[in-house]
Protein backbone atom coordinates (compact mmCIF):
# COMPACT_ATOMS: atom_id res chain seq x y z
CA MET A 1 6.53 7.06 -26.97
CA GLN A 2 3.70 9.55 -27.31
CA THR A 3 0.66 7.99 -25.62
CA LEU A 4 0.49 6.98 -21.97
CA THR A 5 -2.57 5.12 -20.70
CA ILE A 6 -3.31 5.14 -16.97
CA LEU A 7 -5.56 2.32 -15.78
CA GLY A 8 -7.12 3.34 -12.50
CA GLY A 9 -7.20 6.88 -13.84
CA GLY A 10 -9.98 7.94 -11.47
CA SER A 11 -7.86 7.17 -8.41
CA ALA A 12 -7.06 9.84 -5.85
CA TYR A 13 -3.40 9.11 -6.68
CA THR A 14 -3.78 10.21 -10.31
CA PRO A 15 -3.70 14.01 -9.85
CA GLY A 16 -0.33 13.73 -8.10
CA LEU A 17 0.98 11.53 -10.90
CA LEU A 18 -0.23 14.00 -13.52
CA GLN A 19 1.32 16.86 -11.59
CA ALA A 20 4.67 15.06 -11.75
CA LEU A 21 4.23 14.36 -15.47
CA ILE A 22 3.40 18.01 -16.12
CA ALA A 23 6.42 19.19 -14.13
CA HIS A 24 8.68 17.15 -16.43
CA ALA A 25 6.66 17.55 -19.64
CA GLY A 26 9.54 19.29 -21.39
CA GLU A 27 11.69 16.17 -20.99
CA LEU A 28 8.98 13.71 -21.98
CA PRO A 29 7.87 12.74 -25.48
CA LEU A 30 4.22 12.45 -24.42
CA THR A 31 1.47 14.09 -26.44
CA THR A 32 -1.52 12.26 -24.93
CA VAL A 33 -2.38 10.84 -21.52
CA ARG A 34 -5.46 8.60 -21.51
CA LEU A 35 -7.37 7.89 -18.33
CA TYR A 36 -9.54 4.82 -17.81
CA ASP A 37 -11.40 3.67 -14.72
CA THR A 38 -14.47 1.59 -13.92
CA ASP A 39 -15.60 4.34 -11.50
CA ALA A 40 -17.07 6.81 -13.99
CA GLY A 41 -17.87 9.46 -11.38
CA HIS A 42 -14.38 9.69 -9.93
CA LEU A 43 -12.88 9.42 -13.41
CA ALA A 44 -14.87 12.45 -14.62
CA ILE A 45 -13.72 14.55 -11.64
CA VAL A 46 -10.06 13.61 -12.02
CA ALA A 47 -10.11 14.01 -15.80
CA ARG A 48 -11.58 17.52 -15.62
CA LEU A 49 -8.98 18.60 -13.06
CA THR A 50 -5.95 17.04 -14.76
CA SER A 51 -7.01 18.24 -18.20
CA ALA A 52 -7.18 21.79 -16.86
CA MET A 53 -3.79 21.36 -15.16
CA ALA A 54 -2.18 20.09 -18.37
CA GLN A 55 -3.81 22.77 -20.50
CA GLN A 56 -2.67 25.52 -18.16
CA ALA A 57 0.90 24.19 -18.37
CA ASN A 58 0.71 23.81 -22.16
CA ALA A 59 1.65 20.16 -21.72
CA PHE A 60 0.10 17.04 -23.24
CA LYS A 61 -3.58 16.39 -23.89
CA VAL A 62 -5.60 14.48 -21.27
CA GLU A 63 -8.46 12.35 -22.56
CA VAL A 64 -10.90 9.81 -21.14
CA ALA A 65 -11.27 6.35 -22.68
CA PRO A 66 -14.71 4.70 -22.47
CA THR A 67 -13.48 1.09 -22.46
CA LEU A 68 -10.34 -0.84 -21.59
CA GLU A 69 -9.83 -1.64 -25.27
CA ALA A 70 -10.12 2.01 -26.29
CA ALA A 71 -7.72 2.98 -23.51
CA ILE A 72 -5.04 0.55 -24.65
CA ALA A 73 -5.35 0.64 -28.43
CA GLY A 74 -2.21 2.18 -29.93
CA ALA A 75 -0.72 3.16 -26.57
CA ASP A 76 3.04 3.26 -26.12
CA LEU A 77 2.98 2.91 -22.33
CA VAL A 78 0.29 1.41 -20.10
CA LEU A 79 0.47 2.18 -16.37
CA ASN A 80 -1.53 -0.38 -14.41
CA SER A 81 -2.56 1.33 -11.17
CA THR A 82 -5.83 -0.41 -10.41
CA ARG A 83 -7.34 -1.78 -7.21
CA PRO A 84 -9.67 -4.68 -8.06
CA GLY A 85 -12.31 -5.00 -5.37
CA GLY A 86 -11.79 -1.46 -4.11
CA LEU A 87 -11.45 -0.48 -0.47
CA ALA A 88 -14.22 -2.86 0.58
CA ALA A 89 -12.08 -5.83 -0.44
CA ARG A 90 -8.98 -4.20 1.04
CA ARG A 91 -10.76 -4.02 4.39
CA ILE A 92 -11.22 -7.79 4.31
CA ASP A 93 -7.58 -8.23 3.26
CA GLU A 94 -6.60 -6.34 6.39
CA SER A 95 -9.10 -7.76 8.87
CA LEU A 96 -9.55 -11.44 7.96
CA PRO A 97 -5.96 -12.51 8.82
CA LEU A 98 -6.37 -11.01 12.30
CA GLU A 99 -9.06 -13.61 13.02
CA PHE A 100 -6.28 -16.20 12.68
CA GLY A 101 -3.73 -14.24 14.72
CA LEU A 102 -1.76 -13.07 11.67
CA PRO A 103 -0.92 -9.55 10.48
CA GLY A 104 -3.56 -7.90 8.34
CA GLN A 105 -1.80 -6.02 5.54
CA GLU A 106 -2.77 -5.63 1.88
CA THR A 107 0.54 -6.76 0.36
CA VAL A 108 2.27 -8.85 3.04
CA GLY A 109 1.05 -12.24 4.23
CA PRO A 110 -2.50 -13.56 3.69
CA GLY A 111 -3.87 -10.11 2.83
CA GLY A 112 -1.45 -9.86 -0.07
CA PHE A 113 -2.43 -13.36 -1.17
CA PHE A 114 -6.14 -12.47 -1.29
CA PHE A 115 -5.31 -9.24 -3.13
CA ALA A 116 -3.27 -11.21 -5.68
CA LEU A 117 -6.26 -13.44 -6.42
CA ARG A 118 -8.06 -10.30 -7.61
CA SER A 119 -5.26 -8.27 -9.16
CA VAL A 120 -3.44 -10.98 -11.12
CA PRO A 121 -6.41 -11.97 -13.36
CA GLU A 122 -7.10 -8.32 -14.13
CA ALA A 123 -3.45 -7.67 -14.98
CA LEU A 124 -3.42 -10.69 -17.28
CA ARG A 125 -6.56 -9.36 -18.98
CA VAL A 126 -4.75 -6.07 -19.56
CA ALA A 127 -1.79 -7.97 -21.02
CA ALA A 128 -4.05 -9.88 -23.41
CA VAL A 129 -5.61 -6.64 -24.70
CA MET A 130 -2.17 -5.08 -25.05
CA GLN A 131 -0.91 -8.04 -27.06
CA ASP A 132 -3.80 -7.56 -29.48
CA LEU A 133 -4.10 -3.75 -29.62
CA ALA A 134 -0.71 -2.35 -28.52
CA PRO A 135 1.84 -5.14 -29.09
CA ASP A 136 4.86 -2.85 -28.82
CA ALA A 137 3.73 -1.06 -25.67
CA ILE A 138 5.44 -1.38 -22.27
CA LEU A 139 3.32 -2.30 -19.26
CA LEU A 140 4.36 -0.43 -16.12
CA ASN A 141 2.81 -2.29 -13.21
CA TYR A 142 2.01 -0.33 -10.05
CA THR A 143 -0.76 -2.70 -8.94
CA ASN A 144 -0.12 -4.63 -5.73
CA PRO A 145 1.18 -7.02 -4.66
CA SER A 146 3.70 -5.79 -7.19
CA ASN A 147 6.07 -8.76 -7.09
CA ILE A 148 3.31 -11.36 -7.54
CA VAL A 149 1.48 -9.42 -10.27
CA THR A 150 4.72 -8.77 -12.15
CA GLN A 151 5.76 -12.43 -11.75
CA ALA A 152 2.43 -13.57 -13.22
CA LEU A 153 2.86 -11.18 -16.16
CA VAL A 154 6.41 -12.41 -16.77
CA ASN A 155 5.21 -16.02 -16.59
CA ARG A 156 2.52 -15.25 -19.17
CA GLY A 157 4.88 -13.55 -21.61
CA GLY A 158 3.73 -11.72 -24.71
CA VAL A 159 4.17 -8.19 -23.34
CA LYS A 160 7.07 -6.13 -22.03
CA VAL A 161 6.54 -5.50 -18.32
CA ILE A 162 8.31 -3.48 -15.63
CA GLY A 163 7.25 -3.60 -11.98
CA LEU A 164 7.31 -0.31 -10.08
CA CYS A 165 7.45 0.36 -6.35
CA ASP A 166 8.64 3.55 -4.66
CA GLN A 167 9.19 1.95 -1.23
CA SER A 168 12.98 2.04 -1.41
CA ASP A 169 12.97 5.79 -1.92
CA GLU A 170 10.37 6.26 0.80
CA ASP A 171 12.51 4.23 3.23
CA LEU A 172 15.71 6.10 2.41
CA LEU A 173 14.01 9.50 2.58
CA ALA A 174 12.67 8.57 6.02
CA LEU A 175 16.18 7.60 7.09
CA CYS A 176 17.56 10.95 5.88
CA HIS A 177 14.78 12.75 7.74
CA ALA A 178 15.43 10.81 10.94
CA LEU A 179 19.15 11.64 10.73
CA GLY A 180 18.43 15.30 10.07
CA ARG A 181 20.38 15.10 6.82
CA PRO A 182 19.51 16.41 3.34
CA ALA A 183 17.65 14.00 1.07
CA ARG A 184 20.81 12.93 -0.72
CA TYR A 185 21.48 9.22 -0.70
CA THR A 186 22.74 6.31 -2.75
CA PHE A 187 22.34 2.61 -2.11
CA ARG A 188 22.29 -0.85 -3.61
CA CYS A 189 19.42 -3.25 -3.23
CA ASN A 190 18.57 -6.96 -3.37
CA GLY A 191 15.51 -9.02 -2.55
CA LEU A 192 11.86 -9.33 -3.44
CA ASN A 193 9.37 -6.47 -3.39
CA HIS A 194 8.58 -5.42 0.20
CA ALA A 195 11.30 -7.83 1.36
CA THR A 196 14.55 -6.18 0.28
CA TRP A 197 17.75 -5.15 2.01
CA TYR A 198 19.59 -1.92 1.18
CA SER A 199 23.37 -1.96 1.38
CA ASP A 200 26.34 0.31 0.52
CA VAL A 201 24.13 3.12 1.80
CA LEU A 202 25.55 6.64 1.65
CA ILE A 203 23.60 9.43 3.35
CA ASP A 204 24.75 12.87 2.25
CA GLY A 205 27.98 11.25 1.06
CA ALA A 206 28.78 9.41 4.31
CA PRO A 207 28.36 5.67 5.00
CA LEU A 208 25.40 4.71 7.14
CA ALA A 209 27.72 3.50 9.91
CA ALA A 210 29.17 7.00 10.21
CA HIS A 211 25.81 8.38 11.39
CA ASN A 212 25.80 7.55 15.09
CA ALA A 213 23.14 9.97 16.30
CA PRO A 214 20.10 8.45 18.05
CA LEU A 215 17.29 7.84 15.59
CA ALA A 216 13.60 8.44 16.01
CA PRO A 217 10.89 7.98 13.37
CA PRO A 218 9.92 11.06 11.34
CA ASP A 219 7.44 13.24 13.26
CA ASP A 220 4.79 13.06 10.55
CA TYR A 221 4.64 9.24 10.58
CA ASP A 222 1.48 7.54 11.80
CA ASP A 223 1.70 4.78 14.43
CA GLU A 224 2.07 1.96 11.91
CA HIS A 225 4.91 3.67 10.04
CA LYS A 226 6.61 4.54 13.33
CA LEU A 227 6.45 0.86 14.34
CA ARG A 228 7.92 -0.20 11.00
CA PHE A 229 10.74 2.36 11.37
CA GLU A 230 11.58 1.32 14.93
CA LEU A 231 11.70 -2.37 14.00
CA SER A 232 13.74 -1.58 10.88
CA LEU A 233 16.22 0.21 13.10
CA ALA A 234 16.42 -2.85 15.37
CA LEU A 235 17.13 -5.08 12.35
CA ALA A 236 19.75 -2.67 11.01
CA ARG A 237 21.58 -2.78 14.34
CA GLU A 238 21.75 -6.57 14.03
CA HIS A 239 23.01 -6.43 10.42
CA ALA A 240 25.87 -3.96 10.16
CA GLY A 241 26.00 -2.18 6.82
CA TYR A 242 22.37 -2.95 5.92
CA TRP A 243 19.00 -1.24 6.24
CA PRO A 244 15.83 -3.30 5.66
CA ASN A 245 12.77 -2.52 3.59
CA SER A 246 10.24 -1.24 6.12
CA TYR A 247 7.77 -4.02 5.25
CA LEU A 248 10.26 -6.73 6.17
CA PRO A 249 9.48 -6.44 9.92
CA TYR A 250 6.01 -7.83 9.21
CA TYR A 251 7.63 -11.22 8.63
CA LEU A 252 10.02 -11.03 11.58
CA PHE A 253 7.85 -9.37 14.23
CA PRO A 254 4.33 -10.43 13.20
CA GLN A 255 2.71 -10.20 16.63
CA ALA A 256 3.72 -6.56 17.01
CA PHE A 257 1.66 -5.77 13.91
CA VAL A 258 -1.25 -7.95 15.01
CA ALA A 259 -1.42 -6.04 18.30
CA HIS A 260 -1.16 -2.71 16.49
CA ALA A 261 -3.89 -3.55 13.98
CA ARG A 262 -6.24 -4.75 16.70
CA ARG A 263 -5.69 -1.51 18.56
CA VAL A 264 -6.12 1.00 15.70
CA GLY A 265 -8.35 -0.86 13.21
CA PRO A 266 -7.95 -1.35 9.45
CA ARG A 267 -5.92 1.17 7.49
CA SER A 268 -8.59 1.00 4.77
CA ASP A 269 -11.06 2.72 7.12
CA VAL A 270 -8.72 5.69 7.41
CA VAL A 271 -8.30 5.84 3.64
CA ALA A 272 -12.04 5.54 3.00
CA ALA A 273 -12.79 8.35 5.45
CA SER A 274 -10.41 10.68 3.59
CA LEU A 275 -11.63 10.13 0.03
CA ASP A 276 -14.55 12.56 0.05
CA ARG A 277 -12.19 15.34 1.03
CA TYR A 278 -9.83 14.52 -1.83
CA TYR A 279 -12.52 14.39 -4.47
CA ALA A 280 -14.22 17.55 -3.20
CA HIS A 281 -10.88 19.31 -3.60
CA PHE A 282 -10.35 17.83 -7.08
CA GLU A 283 -13.84 18.85 -8.17
CA ALA A 284 -13.51 22.41 -6.87
CA GLU A 285 -10.11 22.95 -8.45
CA GLY A 286 -11.23 21.41 -11.74
CA LYS A 287 -13.77 24.22 -12.10
CA ARG A 288 -11.19 26.97 -11.66
CA ALA A 289 -9.45 28.66 -14.57
CA ARG A 290 -6.11 28.11 -12.85
CA PRO A 291 -6.42 24.97 -10.73
CA GLU A 292 -4.08 24.50 -7.76
CA LEU A 293 -3.55 20.93 -6.59
CA LYS A 294 -2.95 21.24 -2.85
CA PHE A 295 -3.23 17.62 -1.76
CA PHE A 296 -3.72 14.15 -3.20
CA ARG A 297 -3.23 10.55 -2.13
CA GLY A 298 0.28 9.18 -2.02
CA SER A 299 3.69 10.69 -1.60
CA ALA A 300 5.49 12.56 -4.33
CA GLY A 301 7.50 9.37 -4.83
CA PHE A 302 4.56 7.64 -6.51
CA GLY A 303 4.47 10.19 -9.32
CA ASP A 304 8.20 10.81 -9.39
CA LEU A 305 9.13 7.14 -9.86
CA ALA A 306 6.70 6.66 -12.73
CA VAL A 307 7.94 9.85 -14.39
CA THR A 308 11.58 8.88 -13.82
CA ALA A 309 10.95 5.48 -15.40
CA ILE A 310 9.27 7.08 -18.42
CA ARG A 311 12.07 9.63 -18.76
CA ALA A 312 14.65 6.85 -18.60
CA LEU A 313 12.89 4.75 -21.23
CA ALA A 314 12.90 7.73 -23.59
CA SER A 315 16.49 8.81 -22.90
CA SER A 316 19.72 7.82 -24.61
CA THR A 317 21.48 8.44 -21.27
CA PRO A 318 21.11 5.54 -18.80
CA HIS A 319 19.29 6.19 -15.53
CA GLU A 320 19.84 3.98 -12.48
CA LEU A 321 16.53 2.86 -10.94
CA VAL A 322 15.27 0.21 -8.52
CA LEU A 323 12.74 -1.88 -10.44
CA ASN A 324 10.99 -5.25 -10.25
CA LEU A 325 12.17 -7.40 -13.15
CA PRO A 326 13.17 -10.99 -13.91
CA ASN A 327 16.49 -11.69 -12.23
CA LEU A 328 18.39 -12.78 -15.36
CA GLY A 329 21.63 -13.19 -13.46
CA ALA A 330 21.59 -10.03 -11.35
CA THR A 331 21.82 -12.11 -8.16
CA ALA A 332 22.66 -15.70 -7.33
CA SER A 333 20.18 -15.58 -4.44
CA PHE A 334 17.16 -16.26 -6.66
CA ALA A 335 16.23 -18.25 -9.75
CA HIS A 336 17.00 -16.87 -13.19
CA ASP A 337 13.36 -16.00 -14.00
CA THR A 338 12.19 -14.92 -10.54
CA VAL A 339 11.07 -11.29 -10.42
CA VAL A 340 13.46 -9.51 -8.05
CA GLU A 341 13.73 -5.91 -6.87
CA THR A 342 17.17 -4.48 -7.55
CA ARG A 343 19.05 -1.66 -9.20
CA VAL A 344 19.25 -1.51 -12.99
CA ARG A 345 20.27 0.93 -15.72
CA VAL A 346 17.44 2.02 -17.99
CA SER A 347 17.59 3.88 -21.30
CA SER A 348 15.98 3.87 -24.73
CA ALA A 349 18.46 1.12 -25.61
CA GLY A 350 17.02 -1.24 -23.01
CA ILE A 351 17.53 -2.36 -19.42
CA GLU A 352 20.87 -3.49 -18.02
CA ARG A 353 20.92 -5.51 -14.80
CA LEU A 354 23.56 -4.39 -12.33
CA PRO A 355 25.20 -6.99 -10.06
CA ALA A 356 23.12 -7.11 -6.89
CA PRO A 357 24.80 -7.08 -3.48
CA HIS A 358 24.78 -10.07 -1.15
CA LEU A 359 21.84 -10.54 1.17
CA PRO A 360 22.46 -10.82 4.91
CA THR A 361 23.25 -14.47 5.60
CA SER A 362 20.55 -14.75 8.25
CA PHE A 363 17.89 -13.64 5.74
CA TYR A 364 18.66 -16.22 3.06
CA GLY A 365 16.24 -18.88 4.35
CA LEU A 366 13.35 -16.42 4.55
CA ALA A 367 14.23 -15.11 1.09
CA LYS A 368 13.90 -18.58 -0.41
CA GLN A 369 10.57 -19.11 1.35
CA LEU A 370 9.27 -15.83 -0.03
CA GLU A 371 10.51 -16.67 -3.52
CA ARG A 372 8.64 -19.98 -3.45
CA TYR A 373 5.50 -18.24 -2.16
CA GLN A 374 5.75 -15.55 -4.86
CA ARG A 375 6.03 -18.07 -7.66
CA LEU A 376 3.32 -20.41 -6.37
CA THR A 377 0.90 -17.53 -5.81
CA ALA A 378 1.54 -16.03 -9.24
CA LYS A 379 0.55 -19.37 -10.80
CA ALA A 380 -2.39 -20.05 -8.48
CA ALA A 381 -3.83 -16.56 -8.98
CA ALA A 382 -3.46 -16.89 -12.75
CA GLY A 383 -5.81 -19.85 -12.86
CA GLY A 384 -4.91 -22.51 -10.33
CA ASP A 385 -7.37 -24.85 -8.66
CA HIS A 386 -8.32 -24.89 -4.97
CA GLN A 387 -5.41 -27.11 -3.99
CA ALA A 388 -2.96 -24.85 -5.80
CA ARG A 389 -4.31 -21.90 -3.83
CA VAL A 390 -3.98 -23.77 -0.54
CA ALA A 391 -0.41 -24.78 -1.35
CA ALA A 392 0.49 -21.22 -2.33
CA LEU A 393 -0.95 -19.62 0.80
CA ALA A 394 0.66 -22.31 2.99
CA ALA A 395 4.01 -21.36 1.43
CA ASN A 396 3.74 -17.86 2.88
CA PRO A 397 6.12 -17.72 5.87
CA LEU A 398 3.41 -16.19 8.07
CA VAL A 399 1.04 -19.10 7.37
CA GLY A 400 3.22 -22.17 6.98
CA LYS A 401 0.59 -24.94 7.36
CA PRO A 402 -1.79 -26.33 4.71
CA LEU A 403 -4.63 -26.77 7.22
CA LEU A 404 -4.37 -23.14 8.34
CA ALA A 405 -4.24 -22.03 4.69
CA ALA A 406 -7.32 -24.10 3.83
CA ASN A 407 -9.24 -22.68 6.78
CA MET A 408 -8.32 -19.14 5.82
CA ILE A 409 -9.36 -19.69 2.20
CA ASN A 410 -12.69 -21.16 3.31
CA GLN A 411 -13.26 -18.11 5.51
CA ALA A 412 -12.27 -15.83 2.64
CA ARG A 413 -14.69 -17.54 0.28
CA ALA A 414 -17.50 -16.63 2.67
CA SER A 415 -16.24 -13.09 3.31
CA TYR A 416 -15.49 -11.55 -0.09
CA PRO A 417 -18.59 -10.62 -2.12
CA ASP A 418 -16.80 -11.44 -5.40
CA TRP A 419 -14.55 -14.33 -4.46
CA PRO A 420 -12.62 -15.33 -7.59
CA LYS A 421 -13.50 -18.82 -8.74
CA ALA A 422 -10.74 -21.40 -8.79
CA ARG A 423 -10.20 -23.70 -11.74
CA ALA A 424 -12.05 -26.97 -11.27
């Protein structure tokens, strides 16, 4: 396990990921990290910075690959962290649903569906190249919507795939912060990505129910994250012993998010406005003899989870992680081959599913709806016709009706500059 390829290597997230890899370089078997991106300008800036960082730390070599094929050939691990369509498409993902009175979010609801139509074909293209040029490699998928992309890759077969998402750690860290407790926690997990429930939660060694202090969102949260936290707290009070994934409120309180989005505008605008500052910092530090990475996109969790997964895959000692993988009997709540998000043990010997906890009874109906939507969308995005797309979008609990789904798809076809063609 010597060569890691990062697809989307010019992203503003990549320096933070490389910083995490460098911090743990002594525990990793990596000798080479390859970066590939279709944005040559950003890739050059990030590569210069991260190469200098790695060289200063006497870690692995960082190199740039000129093509997707060159990036993948002979790799041991391929991290898919791409954003097909860029922020321009994300803005439509976030704004188009609002025209129909539905939440605009890039992974949840119609926005996630439109994103899947772009990200699934690209992920399948990566898998095809891996099967030809790196047949023994493991594909670590960070591309959203993670559950749908990973489901499509599992359906395809031919490559080993693991879906990554750091949301569970982000949610539990926020809970620790709100309680004023150290970031020490354990939990179990069951559900689908961005629609999970955490149970058997221990915060600093004590059960969640033992923490009775009033809770407020972390001070550094923006308005959207504060809303998600407050609604998560409301759900937790209705389901003793559980804490929900902070994206779950989108499905249960949709109009609160519609009102918020209409008030503050698309999140993609905020991200786009910040990018120049990130890349100016990357470029300046890349020219220094001793670069200092002071800020980058994403929380530390993004880099830490990827590094933890790589460390686990290389270790003879099992590590417990929350991953997105085919169920294979971990929970009776979902089909055997549905990609679920739950706790597993990972080592160089393989991946062991741990028995998942029960879901809250009141959530079971929504869980089955989301499972059906996930599976239909994975197939439709992989090459379905127009009717398959309509049926998949209608299966989303926030949409529900074929006529509404058809109208949204027709509007999307006119809105996206590179609308993916459906099979005839």
